[in-house]
Amino acid sequence: ENKITLLFTRRESAKSVAIKTLAEGNRFLDIMITDGNAINWYVKDCQLTEDVADSGTKKGDGSKYTVTFMSETEDSPATISDVIFSSLIYQS
């Protein structure tokens, strides 16, 4: 089981629509992501399991979305090189 949690700052209409689209029909998504250590990962068959919109509790908290994807495949996430990662991202 693999879990990816993403935080998006500033609640906006376009982000809300994109998150709803990801969640429609319990889609299985392949996700490529770079972690805090600059390692690129490929995780297959992920589903959006949670999305939370939060306006914060204090004046300076700001608004944000937290989205969580889960992959329950037996495959471990694969690392991918910067060259492959960049070529796949910029082709779309």
C-alpha atoms as a PDB file:
ATOM      1  CA  GLU A   1       0.000   0.000   0.000  1.00  0.00           C
ATOM      2  CA  ASN A   2       1.363   3.406  -1.015  1.00  0.00           C
ATOM      3  CA  LYS A   3       0.065   6.770   0.125  1.00  0.00           C
ATOM      4  CA  ILE A   4       0.668  10.178  -1.459  1.00  0.00           C
ATOM      5  CA  THR A   5      -0.532  13.302   0.327  1.00  0.00           C
ATOM      6  CA  LEU A   6      -0.366  16.659  -1.460  1.00  0.00           C
ATOM      7  CA  LEU A   7      -0.998  20.142  -0.115  1.00  0.00           C
ATOM      8  CA  PHE A   8      -2.200  22.891  -2.460  1.00  0.00           C
ATOM      9  CA  THR A   9      -2.293  26.424  -1.114  1.00  0.00           C
ATOM     10  CA  ARG A  10      -4.927  29.003  -1.972  1.00  0.00           C
ATOM     11  CA  ARG A  11      -8.382  27.629  -2.584  1.00  0.00           C
ATOM     12  CA  GLU A  12      -9.471  28.507  -6.117  1.00  0.00           C
ATOM     13  CA  SER A  13     -12.257  27.442  -8.448  1.00  0.00           C
ATOM     14  CA  ALA A  14      -9.890  25.889 -11.016  1.00  0.00           C
ATOM     15  CA  LYS A  15      -8.281  23.721  -8.328  1.00  0.00           C
ATOM     16  CA  SER A  16     -11.689  22.609  -7.054  1.00  0.00           C
ATOM     17  CA  VAL A  17     -12.722  21.549 -10.571  1.00  0.00           C
ATOM     18  CA  ALA A  18      -9.436  19.682 -11.127  1.00  0.00           C
ATOM     19  CA  ILE A  19      -9.776  17.787  -7.828  1.00  0.00           C
ATOM     20  CA  LYS A  20     -13.380  16.846  -8.642  1.00  0.00           C
ATOM     21  CA  THR A  21     -12.247  15.568 -12.054  1.00  0.00           C
ATOM     22  CA  LEU A  22      -9.556  13.397 -10.434  1.00  0.00           C
ATOM     23  CA  ALA A  23     -12.142  11.879  -8.098  1.00  0.00           C
ATOM     24  CA  GLU A  24     -14.847  11.149 -10.704  1.00  0.00           C
ATOM     25  CA  GLY A  25     -15.638   7.474 -11.161  1.00  0.00           C
ATOM     26  CA  ASN A  26     -12.955   6.235  -8.758  1.00  0.00           C
ATOM     27  CA  ARG A  27     -10.323   6.523 -11.481  1.00  0.00           C
ATOM     28  CA  PHE A  28      -7.063   4.622 -11.262  1.00  0.00           C
ATOM     29  CA  LEU A  29      -4.285   7.115 -11.931  1.00  0.00           C
ATOM     30  CA  ASP A  30      -0.574   6.703 -12.503  1.00  0.00           C
ATOM     31  CA  ILE A  31       1.249   9.417 -10.584  1.00  0.00           C
ATOM     32  CA  MET A  32       4.740  10.800 -11.030  1.00  0.00           C
ATOM     33  CA  ILE A  33       5.968  12.973  -8.199  1.00  0.00           C
ATOM     34  CA  THR A  34       9.193  14.481  -6.890  1.00  0.00           C
ATOM     35  CA  ASP A  35       9.690  14.193  -3.139  1.00  0.00           C
ATOM     36  CA  GLY A  36      11.460  16.559  -0.734  1.00  0.00           C
ATOM     37  CA  ASN A  37      14.767  14.790  -1.429  1.00  0.00           C
ATOM     38  CA  ALA A  38      14.518  15.526  -5.187  1.00  0.00           C
ATOM     39  CA  ILE A  39      13.813  11.861  -5.989  1.00  0.00           C
ATOM     40  CA  ASN A  40      11.285  11.220  -8.763  1.00  0.00           C
ATOM     41  CA  TRP A  41       8.770   8.449  -8.157  1.00  0.00           C
ATOM     42  CA  TYR A  42       6.256   6.617 -10.321  1.00  0.00           C
ATOM     43  CA  VAL A  43       3.290   5.088  -8.488  1.00  0.00           C
ATOM     44  CA  LYS A  44       0.666   3.207 -10.484  1.00  0.00           C
ATOM     45  CA  ASP A  45      -3.033   2.573  -9.909  1.00  0.00           C
ATOM     46  CA  CYS A  46      -3.647   5.371  -7.402  1.00  0.00           C
ATOM     47  CA  GLN A  47      -7.101   6.524  -6.385  1.00  0.00           C
ATOM     48  CA  LEU A  48      -8.077   9.770  -4.734  1.00  0.00           C
ATOM     49  CA  THR A  49      -9.218   8.697  -1.278  1.00  0.00           C
ATOM     50  CA  GLU A  50      -9.547  12.009   0.526  1.00  0.00           C
ATOM     51  CA  ASP A  51      -9.763  15.674  -0.310  1.00  0.00           C
ATOM     52  CA  VAL A  52     -10.124  18.334   2.334  1.00  0.00           C
ATOM     53  CA  ALA A  53     -10.632  22.041   1.762  1.00  0.00           C
ATOM     54  CA  ASP A  54      -9.554  24.075   4.759  1.00  0.00           C
ATOM     55  CA  SER A  55      -9.839  27.789   5.377  1.00  0.00           C
ATOM     56  CA  GLY A  56      -7.701  27.657   8.527  1.00  0.00           C
ATOM     57  CA  THR A  57      -8.602  28.629  12.059  1.00  0.00           C
ATOM     58  CA  LYS A  58      -6.473  31.751  12.479  1.00  0.00           C
ATOM     59  CA  LYS A  59      -6.335  34.881  10.358  1.00  0.00           C
ATOM     60  CA  GLY A  60      -2.873  34.068   8.960  1.00  0.00           C
ATOM     61  CA  ASP A  61      -3.552  30.383   8.243  1.00  0.00           C
ATOM     62  CA  GLY A  62      -4.684  30.873   4.661  1.00  0.00           C
ATOM     63  CA  SER A  63      -6.812  28.464   2.680  1.00  0.00           C
ATOM     64  CA  LYS A  64      -5.663  25.165   1.248  1.00  0.00           C
ATOM     65  CA  TYR A  65      -6.567  21.755  -0.116  1.00  0.00           C
ATOM     66  CA  THR A  66      -5.095  18.497   1.117  1.00  0.00           C
ATOM     67  CA  VAL A  67      -5.551  15.535  -1.213  1.00  0.00           C
ATOM     68  CA  THR A  68      -4.577  11.924  -0.527  1.00  0.00           C
ATOM     69  CA  PHE A  69      -4.045   9.195  -3.100  1.00  0.00           C
ATOM     70  CA  MET A  70      -3.713   5.504  -2.257  1.00  0.00           C
ATOM     71  CA  SER A  71      -2.306   2.686  -4.364  1.00  0.00           C
ATOM     72  CA  GLU A  72      -3.066  -0.798  -3.125  1.00  0.00           C
ATOM     73  CA  THR A  73      -1.025  -2.658  -5.737  1.00  0.00           C
ATOM     74  CA  GLU A  74       1.713  -5.014  -4.655  1.00  0.00           C
ATOM     75  CA  ASP A  75       4.191  -3.095  -6.813  1.00  0.00           C
ATOM     76  CA  SER A  76       6.534  -0.750  -4.993  1.00  0.00           C
ATOM     77  CA  PRO A  77       6.910   2.788  -6.298  1.00  0.00           C
ATOM     78  CA  ALA A  78       9.642   3.013  -8.927  1.00  0.00           C
ATOM     79  CA  THR A  79      12.267   5.729  -9.075  1.00  0.00           C
ATOM     80  CA  ILE A  80      12.665   7.446 -12.423  1.00  0.00           C
ATOM     81  CA  SER A  81      15.484   9.602 -13.748  1.00  0.00           C
ATOM     82  CA  ASP A  82      15.229  13.366 -14.131  1.00  0.00           C
ATOM     83  CA  VAL A  83      15.548  13.028 -17.924  1.00  0.00           C
ATOM     84  CA  ILE A  84      12.647  10.584 -18.223  1.00  0.00           C
ATOM     85  CA  PHE A  85      10.555  12.552 -15.729  1.00  0.00           C
ATOM     86  CA  SER A  86      11.090  15.825 -17.604  1.00  0.00           C
ATOM     87  CA  SER A  87      10.419  14.310 -21.012  1.00  0.00           C
ATOM     88  CA  LEU A  88       7.130  12.800 -19.846  1.00  0.00           C
ATOM     89  CA  ILE A  89       5.949  15.972 -18.103  1.00  0.00           C
ATOM     90  CA  TYR A  90       6.690  18.295 -21.008  1.00  0.00           C
ATOM     91  CA  GLN A  91       5.167  16.088 -23.736  1.00  0.00           C
ATOM     92  CA  SER A  92       1.630  16.674 -22.523  1.00  0.00           C
END
